[in-house]
């Protein structure tokens, strides 16, 4: 029975994510067995999308200003994640009041689903609104009960730091490139996921060399990065790795 290797793409750095997709695309292209029109179209679109994504990353590396903006955005994303993770602890609390407080706050935060992946300006406004909600009369008692105040303050502070940097940028075009990185990554990921789903389905239904070999490339690359993330859990090593060798 054919299987698809799982990998948490969201935990890869921007560079690693780009390397992952390029390794898949180049590995499949090297096979020189693709003839299916739909599959060919996915590969063509993916090549164009990843080229644009690479250009955005290059722009970030070229500019100290855009790098600072990117790091400030990463800091506020981490602050949001910390808030959500701490809140999740109370899902299994023994105190019923704490469980009710968790449910109330969790419902609120769900209205800001994937906030870290919103475009820069949208995320700035979203965080402002979330912090305002958390400090209003309805939710503040729950925040106080669960001692979330420092986490809320951290989110607000990191957002303010980002907004100050972003508002003060002088290189508008360069800032536009870094502004687009999140959306570009999201677009590439959607296209990549659609292609993976297509290949997996066709490999199971048609069972031809074209899709079986492509699935093998996918699983090999995906396992490499899944193993990388597993090692990172134990070593906390965030150093990007070189792209894996292409499949023969």
C-alpha atoms as a PDB file:
ATOM      1  CA  UNK A   1       0.000   0.000   0.000  1.00  0.00           C
ATOM      2  CA  UNK A   2       1.422   3.363  -1.049  1.00  0.00           C
ATOM      3  CA  UNK A   3       2.070   5.958   1.647  1.00  0.00           C
ATOM      4  CA  UNK A   4       3.031   9.625   1.739  1.00  0.00           C
ATOM      5  CA  UNK A   5       5.764  10.689   4.168  1.00  0.00           C
ATOM      6  CA  UNK A   6       4.538  13.327   6.602  1.00  0.00           C
ATOM      7  CA  UNK A   7       6.542  16.496   7.286  1.00  0.00           C
ATOM      8  CA  UNK A   8       5.637  19.683   9.141  1.00  0.00           C
ATOM      9  CA  UNK A   9       6.424  22.312   6.502  1.00  0.00           C
ATOM     10  CA  UNK A  10       5.413  25.095   8.870  1.00  0.00           C
ATOM     11  CA  UNK A  11       8.407  24.376  11.113  1.00  0.00           C
ATOM     12  CA  UNK A  12      10.951  24.786   8.318  1.00  0.00           C
ATOM     13  CA  UNK A  13      12.773  28.106   8.032  1.00  0.00           C
ATOM     14  CA  UNK A  14      12.094  30.175   4.923  1.00  0.00           C
ATOM     15  CA  UNK A  15      15.377  29.000   3.398  1.00  0.00           C
ATOM     16  CA  UNK A  16      14.767  25.356   4.270  1.00  0.00           C
ATOM     17  CA  UNK A  17      11.257  25.502   2.867  1.00  0.00           C
ATOM     18  CA  UNK A  18      12.595  26.840  -0.432  1.00  0.00           C
ATOM     19  CA  UNK A  19      15.287  24.137  -0.515  1.00  0.00           C
ATOM     20  CA  UNK A  20      12.686  21.480   0.195  1.00  0.00           C
ATOM     21  CA  UNK A  21      10.416  22.519  -2.678  1.00  0.00           C
ATOM     22  CA  UNK A  22      13.335  22.931  -5.098  1.00  0.00           C
ATOM     23  CA  UNK A  23      14.702  19.500  -4.216  1.00  0.00           C
ATOM     24  CA  UNK A  24      11.309  17.962  -4.938  1.00  0.00           C
ATOM     25  CA  UNK A  25      10.845  19.838  -8.193  1.00  0.00           C
ATOM     26  CA  UNK A  26      14.400  19.214  -9.461  1.00  0.00           C
ATOM     27  CA  UNK A  27      14.369  15.577  -8.344  1.00  0.00           C
ATOM     28  CA  UNK A  28      11.176  14.885 -10.282  1.00  0.00           C
ATOM     29  CA  UNK A  29      12.404  16.816 -13.324  1.00  0.00           C
ATOM     30  CA  UNK A  30      15.638  14.801 -13.345  1.00  0.00           C
ATOM     31  CA  UNK A  31      13.621  11.580 -13.621  1.00  0.00           C
ATOM     32  CA  UNK A  32      12.562  12.692 -17.117  1.00  0.00           C
ATOM     33  CA  UNK A  33       9.458  10.508 -16.965  1.00  0.00           C
ATOM     34  CA  UNK A  34       6.705  13.133 -16.595  1.00  0.00           C
ATOM     35  CA  UNK A  35       4.223  13.107 -19.476  1.00  0.00           C
ATOM     36  CA  UNK A  36       0.903  13.747 -17.743  1.00  0.00           C
ATOM     37  CA  UNK A  37      -0.412  17.213 -18.707  1.00  0.00           C
ATOM     38  CA  UNK A  38      -1.703  18.063 -15.244  1.00  0.00           C
ATOM     39  CA  UNK A  39       1.531  16.996 -13.582  1.00  0.00           C
ATOM     40  CA  UNK A  40       3.579  19.001 -16.114  1.00  0.00           C
ATOM     41  CA  UNK A  41       1.471  22.076 -15.408  1.00  0.00           C
ATOM     42  CA  UNK A  42       2.080  21.770 -11.668  1.00  0.00           C
ATOM     43  CA  UNK A  43       5.852  21.554 -12.199  1.00  0.00           C
ATOM     44  CA  UNK A  44       5.834  24.601 -14.497  1.00  0.00           C
ATOM     45  CA  UNK A  45       3.848  26.682 -12.030  1.00  0.00           C
ATOM     46  CA  UNK A  46       6.044  25.531  -9.167  1.00  0.00           C
ATOM     47  CA  UNK A  47       9.226  26.563 -10.986  1.00  0.00           C
ATOM     48  CA  UNK A  48       7.873  30.077 -11.584  1.00  0.00           C
ATOM     49  CA  UNK A  49       6.635  30.431  -8.015  1.00  0.00           C
ATOM     50  CA  UNK A  50       9.839  29.212  -6.364  1.00  0.00           C
ATOM     51  CA  UNK A  51      11.936  31.558  -8.544  1.00  0.00           C
ATOM     52  CA  UNK A  52       9.889  34.511  -7.280  1.00  0.00           C
ATOM     53  CA  UNK A  53      10.171  33.227  -3.718  1.00  0.00           C
ATOM     54  CA  UNK A  54      13.970  32.998  -4.057  1.00  0.00           C
ATOM     55  CA  UNK A  55      14.173  36.586  -5.302  1.00  0.00           C
ATOM     56  CA  UNK A  56      12.281  37.775  -2.237  1.00  0.00           C
ATOM     57  CA  UNK A  57      14.682  35.928   0.083  1.00  0.00           C
ATOM     58  CA  UNK A  58      17.669  37.392  -1.764  1.00  0.00           C
ATOM     59  CA  UNK A  59      16.220  40.876  -1.285  1.00  0.00           C
ATOM     60  CA  UNK A  60      15.956  40.279   2.446  1.00  0.00           C
ATOM     61  CA  UNK A  61      19.590  39.199   2.668  1.00  0.00           C
ATOM     62  CA  UNK A  62      20.728  42.246   0.676  1.00  0.00           C
ATOM     63  CA  UNK A  63      19.185  44.808   2.991  1.00  0.00           C
ATOM     64  CA  UNK A  64      19.919  45.276   6.682  1.00  0.00           C
ATOM     65  CA  UNK A  65      16.635  47.152   6.979  1.00  0.00           C
ATOM     66  CA  UNK A  66      14.494  44.403   5.531  1.00  0.00           C
ATOM     67  CA  UNK A  67      16.352  41.836   7.638  1.00  0.00           C
ATOM     68  CA  UNK A  68      15.484  43.795  10.785  1.00  0.00           C
ATOM     69  CA  UNK A  69      11.849  43.921   9.687  1.00  0.00           C
ATOM     70  CA  UNK A  70      11.824  40.172   9.056  1.00  0.00           C
ATOM     71  CA  UNK A  71      13.387  39.457  12.470  1.00  0.00           C
ATOM     72  CA  UNK A  72      10.923  41.766  14.222  1.00  0.00           C
ATOM     73  CA  UNK A  73       8.065  39.942  12.525  1.00  0.00           C
ATOM     74  CA  UNK A  74       9.518  36.604  13.598  1.00  0.00           C
ATOM     75  CA  UNK A  75       9.727  37.877  17.187  1.00  0.00           C
ATOM     76  CA  UNK A  76       6.065  38.812  17.284  1.00  0.00           C
ATOM     77  CA  UNK A  77       5.095  35.509  15.655  1.00  0.00           C
ATOM     78  CA  UNK A  78       7.005  33.706  18.410  1.00  0.00           C
ATOM     79  CA  UNK A  79       5.240  35.819  21.050  1.00  0.00           C
ATOM     80  CA  UNK A  80       1.854  34.805  19.645  1.00  0.00           C
ATOM     81  CA  UNK A  81       2.887  31.143  19.611  1.00  0.00           C
ATOM     82  CA  UNK A  82       4.055  31.410  23.230  1.00  0.00           C
ATOM     83  CA  UNK A  83       0.709  32.872  24.273  1.00  0.00           C
ATOM     84  CA  UNK A  84      -1.230  30.108  22.507  1.00  0.00           C
ATOM     85  CA  UNK A  85       0.976  27.316  23.878  1.00  0.00           C
ATOM     86  CA  UNK A  86       0.715  28.572  27.445  1.00  0.00           C
ATOM     87  CA  UNK A  87      -3.055  28.881  27.116  1.00  0.00           C
ATOM     88  CA  UNK A  88      -3.305  25.273  25.870  1.00  0.00           C
ATOM     89  CA  UNK A  89      -1.941  24.059  29.212  1.00  0.00           C
ATOM     90  CA  UNK A  90      -5.261  24.938  30.844  1.00  0.00           C
ATOM     91  CA  UNK A  91      -7.278  22.743  28.492  1.00  0.00           C
ATOM     92  CA  UNK A  92      -6.484  19.880  30.878  1.00  0.00           C
ATOM     93  CA  UNK A  93      -6.658  21.857  34.116  1.00  0.00           C
ATOM     94  CA  UNK A  94      -8.403  20.270  37.109  1.00  0.00           C
ATOM     95  CA  UNK A  95      -9.872  23.597  38.210  1.00  0.00           C
ATOM     96  CA  UNK A  96     -13.203  24.082  36.426  1.00  0.00           C
ATOM     97  CA  UNK A  97     -12.894  27.888  36.440  1.00  0.00           C
ATOM     98  CA  UNK A  98      -9.562  27.611  34.658  1.00  0.00           C
ATOM     99  CA  UNK A  99     -11.050  25.264  32.068  1.00  0.00           C
ATOM    100  CA  UNK A 100     -13.905  27.693  31.426  1.00  0.00           C
ATOM    101  CA  UNK A 101     -11.436  30.568  31.142  1.00  0.00           C
ATOM    102  CA  UNK A 102      -9.402  28.533  28.664  1.00  0.00           C
ATOM    103  CA  UNK A 103     -12.460  27.783  26.544  1.00  0.00           C
ATOM    104  CA  UNK A 104     -13.478  31.448  26.461  1.00  0.00           C
ATOM    105  CA  UNK A 105     -10.026  32.689  25.462  1.00  0.00           C
ATOM    106  CA  UNK A 106      -9.479  29.844  23.007  1.00  0.00           C
ATOM    107  CA  UNK A 107     -12.723  30.733  21.232  1.00  0.00           C
ATOM    108  CA  UNK A 108     -11.531  34.324  20.931  1.00  0.00           C
ATOM    109  CA  UNK A 109      -8.095  33.377  19.595  1.00  0.00           C
ATOM    110  CA  UNK A 110      -9.663  31.043  17.027  1.00  0.00           C
ATOM    111  CA  UNK A 111     -11.197  34.125  15.389  1.00  0.00           C
ATOM    112  CA  UNK A 112      -7.606  35.155  14.619  1.00  0.00           C
ATOM    113  CA  UNK A 113      -6.719  31.801  13.063  1.00  0.00           C
ATOM    114  CA  UNK A 114      -3.240  31.651  11.467  1.00  0.00           C
ATOM    115  CA  UNK A 115      -2.574  35.235  12.569  1.00  0.00           C
ATOM    116  CA  UNK A 116       1.176  34.673  12.202  1.00  0.00           C
ATOM    117  CA  UNK A 117       0.708  33.974   8.496  1.00  0.00           C
ATOM    118  CA  UNK A 118      -1.238  37.133   7.681  1.00  0.00           C
ATOM    119  CA  UNK A 119       0.446  39.831   5.603  1.00  0.00           C
ATOM    120  CA  UNK A 120       2.468  42.297   7.642  1.00  0.00           C
ATOM    121  CA  UNK A 121      -0.080  45.123   7.804  1.00  0.00           C
ATOM    122  CA  UNK A 122      -2.980  42.729   8.339  1.00  0.00           C
ATOM    123  CA  UNK A 123      -1.088  41.012  11.143  1.00  0.00           C
ATOM    124  CA  UNK A 124      -0.267  44.333  12.797  1.00  0.00           C
ATOM    125  CA  UNK A 125      -3.944  45.294  12.847  1.00  0.00           C
ATOM    126  CA  UNK A 126      -4.975  41.803  13.897  1.00  0.00           C
ATOM    127  CA  UNK A 127      -2.618  41.798  16.871  1.00  0.00           C
ATOM    128  CA  UNK A 128      -3.830  45.254  17.922  1.00  0.00           C
ATOM    129  CA  UNK A 129      -7.402  43.993  17.860  1.00  0.00           C
ATOM    130  CA  UNK A 130      -6.523  40.776  19.698  1.00  0.00           C
ATOM    131  CA  UNK A 131      -4.707  42.661  22.460  1.00  0.00           C
ATOM    132  CA  UNK A 132      -7.654  45.056  22.783  1.00  0.00           C
ATOM    133  CA  UNK A 133     -10.043  42.107  23.058  1.00  0.00           C
ATOM    134  CA  UNK A 134      -7.897  40.399  25.684  1.00  0.00           C
ATOM    135  CA  UNK A 135      -7.920  43.562  27.785  1.00  0.00           C
ATOM    136  CA  UNK A 136     -11.640  44.272  27.609  1.00  0.00           C
ATOM    137  CA  UNK A 137     -14.137  43.582  30.391  1.00  0.00           C
ATOM    138  CA  UNK A 138     -15.259  40.267  28.896  1.00  0.00           C
ATOM    139  CA  UNK A 139     -11.879  38.545  28.604  1.00  0.00           C
ATOM    140  CA  UNK A 140      -9.581  40.308  31.080  1.00  0.00           C
ATOM    141  CA  UNK A 141     -10.853  38.315  34.102  1.00  0.00           C
ATOM    142  CA  UNK A 142      -9.911  35.104  32.287  1.00  0.00           C
ATOM    143  CA  UNK A 143      -6.515  36.541  31.366  1.00  0.00           C
ATOM    144  CA  UNK A 144      -5.923  37.450  34.998  1.00  0.00           C
ATOM    145  CA  UNK A 145      -7.101  34.068  36.270  1.00  0.00           C
ATOM    146  CA  UNK A 146      -4.707  32.180  34.006  1.00  0.00           C
ATOM    147  CA  UNK A 147      -1.866  34.669  34.583  1.00  0.00           C
ATOM    148  CA  UNK A 148      -1.562  35.409  30.866  1.00  0.00           C
ATOM    149  CA  UNK A 149      -0.825  39.106  31.377  1.00  0.00           C
ATOM    150  CA  UNK A 150       2.906  38.877  30.697  1.00  0.00           C
ATOM    151  CA  UNK A 151       2.258  36.925  27.487  1.00  0.00           C
ATOM    152  CA  UNK A 152      -0.280  39.483  26.284  1.00  0.00           C
ATOM    153  CA  UNK A 153       2.159  42.292  27.096  1.00  0.00           C
ATOM    154  CA  UNK A 154       4.903  40.479  25.181  1.00  0.00           C
ATOM    155  CA  UNK A 155       2.690  40.186  22.099  1.00  0.00           C
ATOM    156  CA  UNK A 156       1.754  43.869  22.257  1.00  0.00           C
ATOM    157  CA  UNK A 157       5.359  44.971  22.790  1.00  0.00           C
ATOM    158  CA  UNK A 158       6.772  42.898  19.926  1.00  0.00           C
ATOM    159  CA  UNK A 159       4.010  44.161  17.652  1.00  0.00           C
ATOM    160  CA  UNK A 160       4.770  47.767  18.554  1.00  0.00           C
ATOM    161  CA  UNK A 161       8.473  47.181  17.873  1.00  0.00           C
ATOM    162  CA  UNK A 162       7.637  45.740  14.464  1.00  0.00           C
ATOM    163  CA  UNK A 163       5.293  48.594  13.565  1.00  0.00           C
ATOM    164  CA  UNK A 164       7.932  51.157  14.491  1.00  0.00           C
ATOM    165  CA  UNK A 165      10.485  49.517  12.197  1.00  0.00           C
ATOM    166  CA  UNK A 166       8.031  49.016   9.368  1.00  0.00           C
ATOM    167  CA  UNK A 167       6.688  52.583   9.533  1.00  0.00           C
ATOM    168  CA  UNK A 168      10.217  53.984   9.507  1.00  0.00           C
ATOM    169  CA  UNK A 169      11.460  52.085   6.485  1.00  0.00           C
ATOM    170  CA  UNK A 170      13.107  54.158   3.764  1.00  0.00           C
ATOM    171  CA  UNK A 171      13.450  51.490   1.089  1.00  0.00           C
ATOM    172  CA  UNK A 172       9.838  51.060   0.008  1.00  0.00           C
ATOM    173  CA  UNK A 173      10.497  48.599  -2.776  1.00  0.00           C
ATOM    174  CA  UNK A 174      12.793  46.479  -0.628  1.00  0.00           C
ATOM    175  CA  UNK A 175      10.212  46.495   2.141  1.00  0.00           C
ATOM    176  CA  UNK A 176       7.564  45.421  -0.330  1.00  0.00           C
ATOM    177  CA  UNK A 177       9.656  42.339  -1.132  1.00  0.00           C
ATOM    178  CA  UNK A 178       9.908  41.308   2.504  1.00  0.00           C
ATOM    179  CA  UNK A 179       6.226  42.168   2.950  1.00  0.00           C
ATOM    180  CA  UNK A 180       5.417  39.618   0.274  1.00  0.00           C
ATOM    181  CA  UNK A 181       7.515  36.777   1.699  1.00  0.00           C
ATOM    182  CA  UNK A 182       4.721  35.382   3.854  1.00  0.00           C
ATOM    183  CA  UNK A 183       2.223  35.464   1.022  1.00  0.00           C
ATOM    184  CA  UNK A 184       4.746  34.038  -1.431  1.00  0.00           C
ATOM    185  CA  UNK A 185       5.519  31.166   0.932  1.00  0.00           C
ATOM    186  CA  UNK A 186       1.812  30.535   1.429  1.00  0.00           C
ATOM    187  CA  UNK A 187       1.217  30.524  -2.331  1.00  0.00           C
ATOM    188  CA  UNK A 188       4.142  28.170  -2.997  1.00  0.00           C
ATOM    189  CA  UNK A 189       3.025  25.870  -0.192  1.00  0.00           C
ATOM    190  CA  UNK A 190      -0.525  25.698  -1.563  1.00  0.00           C
ATOM    191  CA  UNK A 191       0.736  24.874  -5.056  1.00  0.00           C
ATOM    192  CA  UNK A 192       3.231  22.328  -3.711  1.00  0.00           C
ATOM    193  CA  UNK A 193       0.584  20.658  -1.544  1.00  0.00           C
ATOM    194  CA  UNK A 194      -1.830  20.461  -4.473  1.00  0.00           C
ATOM    195  CA  UNK A 195       0.860  18.800  -6.587  1.00  0.00           C
ATOM    196  CA  UNK A 196       1.765  16.332  -3.835  1.00  0.00           C
ATOM    197  CA  UNK A 197      -1.892  15.411  -3.403  1.00  0.00           C
ATOM    198  CA  UNK A 198      -2.234  14.927  -7.165  1.00  0.00           C
ATOM    199  CA  UNK A 199       0.868  12.732  -7.449  1.00  0.00           C
ATOM    200  CA  UNK A 200      -0.137  10.592  -4.470  1.00  0.00           C
ATOM    201  CA  UNK A 201      -3.657  10.073  -5.803  1.00  0.00           C
ATOM    202  CA  UNK A 202      -2.415   9.206  -9.306  1.00  0.00           C
ATOM    203  CA  UNK A 203       0.240   6.840  -7.975  1.00  0.00           C
ATOM    204  CA  UNK A 204      -2.461   4.946  -6.106  1.00  0.00           C
ATOM    205  CA  UNK A 205      -4.984   4.930  -8.936  1.00  0.00           C
ATOM    206  CA  UNK A 206      -2.764   4.521 -12.030  1.00  0.00           C
ATOM    207  CA  UNK A 207       0.263   2.782 -10.482  1.00  0.00           C
ATOM    208  CA  UNK A 208       2.542   3.887 -13.355  1.00  0.00           C
ATOM    209  CA  UNK A 209       6.305   4.492 -13.317  1.00  0.00           C
ATOM    210  CA  UNK A 210       5.718   8.210 -13.886  1.00  0.00           C
ATOM    211  CA  UNK A 211       3.832   8.703 -10.639  1.00  0.00           C
ATOM    212  CA  UNK A 212       5.468   5.913  -8.631  1.00  0.00           C
ATOM    213  CA  UNK A 213       8.941   7.341  -9.229  1.00  0.00           C
ATOM    214  CA  UNK A 214       7.721  10.856  -8.497  1.00  0.00           C
ATOM    215  CA  UNK A 215       6.175   9.644  -5.246  1.00  0.00           C
ATOM    216  CA  UNK A 216       9.499   8.050  -4.337  1.00  0.00           C
ATOM    217  CA  UNK A 217      11.248  11.402  -4.816  1.00  0.00           C
ATOM    218  CA  UNK A 218       8.605  13.128  -2.708  1.00  0.00           C
ATOM    219  CA  UNK A 219       8.911  10.625   0.119  1.00  0.00           C
ATOM    220  CA  UNK A 220      12.719  10.734   0.081  1.00  0.00           C
ATOM    221  CA  UNK A 221      12.859  14.528   0.281  1.00  0.00           C
ATOM    222  CA  UNK A 222      10.066  14.750   2.817  1.00  0.00           C
ATOM    223  CA  UNK A 223      11.701  12.119   5.050  1.00  0.00           C
ATOM    224  CA  UNK A 224      14.985  14.031   4.926  1.00  0.00           C
ATOM    225  CA  UNK A 225      13.322  17.167   6.266  1.00  0.00           C
ATOM    226  CA  UNK A 226      11.146  15.245   8.724  1.00  0.00           C
ATOM    227  CA  UNK A 227      14.342  13.725  10.155  1.00  0.00           C
ATOM    228  CA  UNK A 228      15.946  17.173  10.236  1.00  0.00           C
ATOM    229  CA  UNK A 229      13.072  18.513  12.325  1.00  0.00           C
ATOM    230  CA  UNK A 230      13.188  15.475  14.603  1.00  0.00           C
ATOM    231  CA  UNK A 231      16.903  16.067  15.255  1.00  0.00           C
ATOM    232  CA  UNK A 232      16.211  19.725  15.898  1.00  0.00           C
ATOM    233  CA  UNK A 233      13.827  18.797  18.692  1.00  0.00           C
ATOM    234  CA  UNK A 234      16.707  17.204  20.570  1.00  0.00           C
ATOM    235  CA  UNK A 235      19.582  19.483  19.552  1.00  0.00           C
ATOM    236  CA  UNK A 236      17.807  22.864  19.097  1.00  0.00           C
ATOM    237  CA  UNK A 237      20.043  23.388  16.093  1.00  0.00           C
ATOM    238  CA  UNK A 238      18.404  25.971  13.826  1.00  0.00           C
ATOM    239  CA  UNK A 239      21.215  26.140  11.287  1.00  0.00           C
ATOM    240  CA  UNK A 240      19.848  25.732   7.737  1.00  0.00           C
ATOM    241  CA  UNK A 241      21.114  22.641   5.967  1.00  0.00           C
ATOM    242  CA  UNK A 242      22.352  22.152   2.442  1.00  0.00           C
ATOM    243  CA  UNK A 243      19.773  20.876  -0.026  1.00  0.00           C
ATOM    244  CA  UNK A 244      19.656  17.107  -0.355  1.00  0.00           C
ATOM    245  CA  UNK A 245      21.095  15.375  -3.434  1.00  0.00           C
ATOM    246  CA  UNK A 246      18.764  14.923  -6.393  1.00  0.00           C
ATOM    247  CA  UNK A 247      17.255  11.505  -6.986  1.00  0.00           C
ATOM    248  CA  UNK A 248      18.786   9.438  -9.753  1.00  0.00           C
END
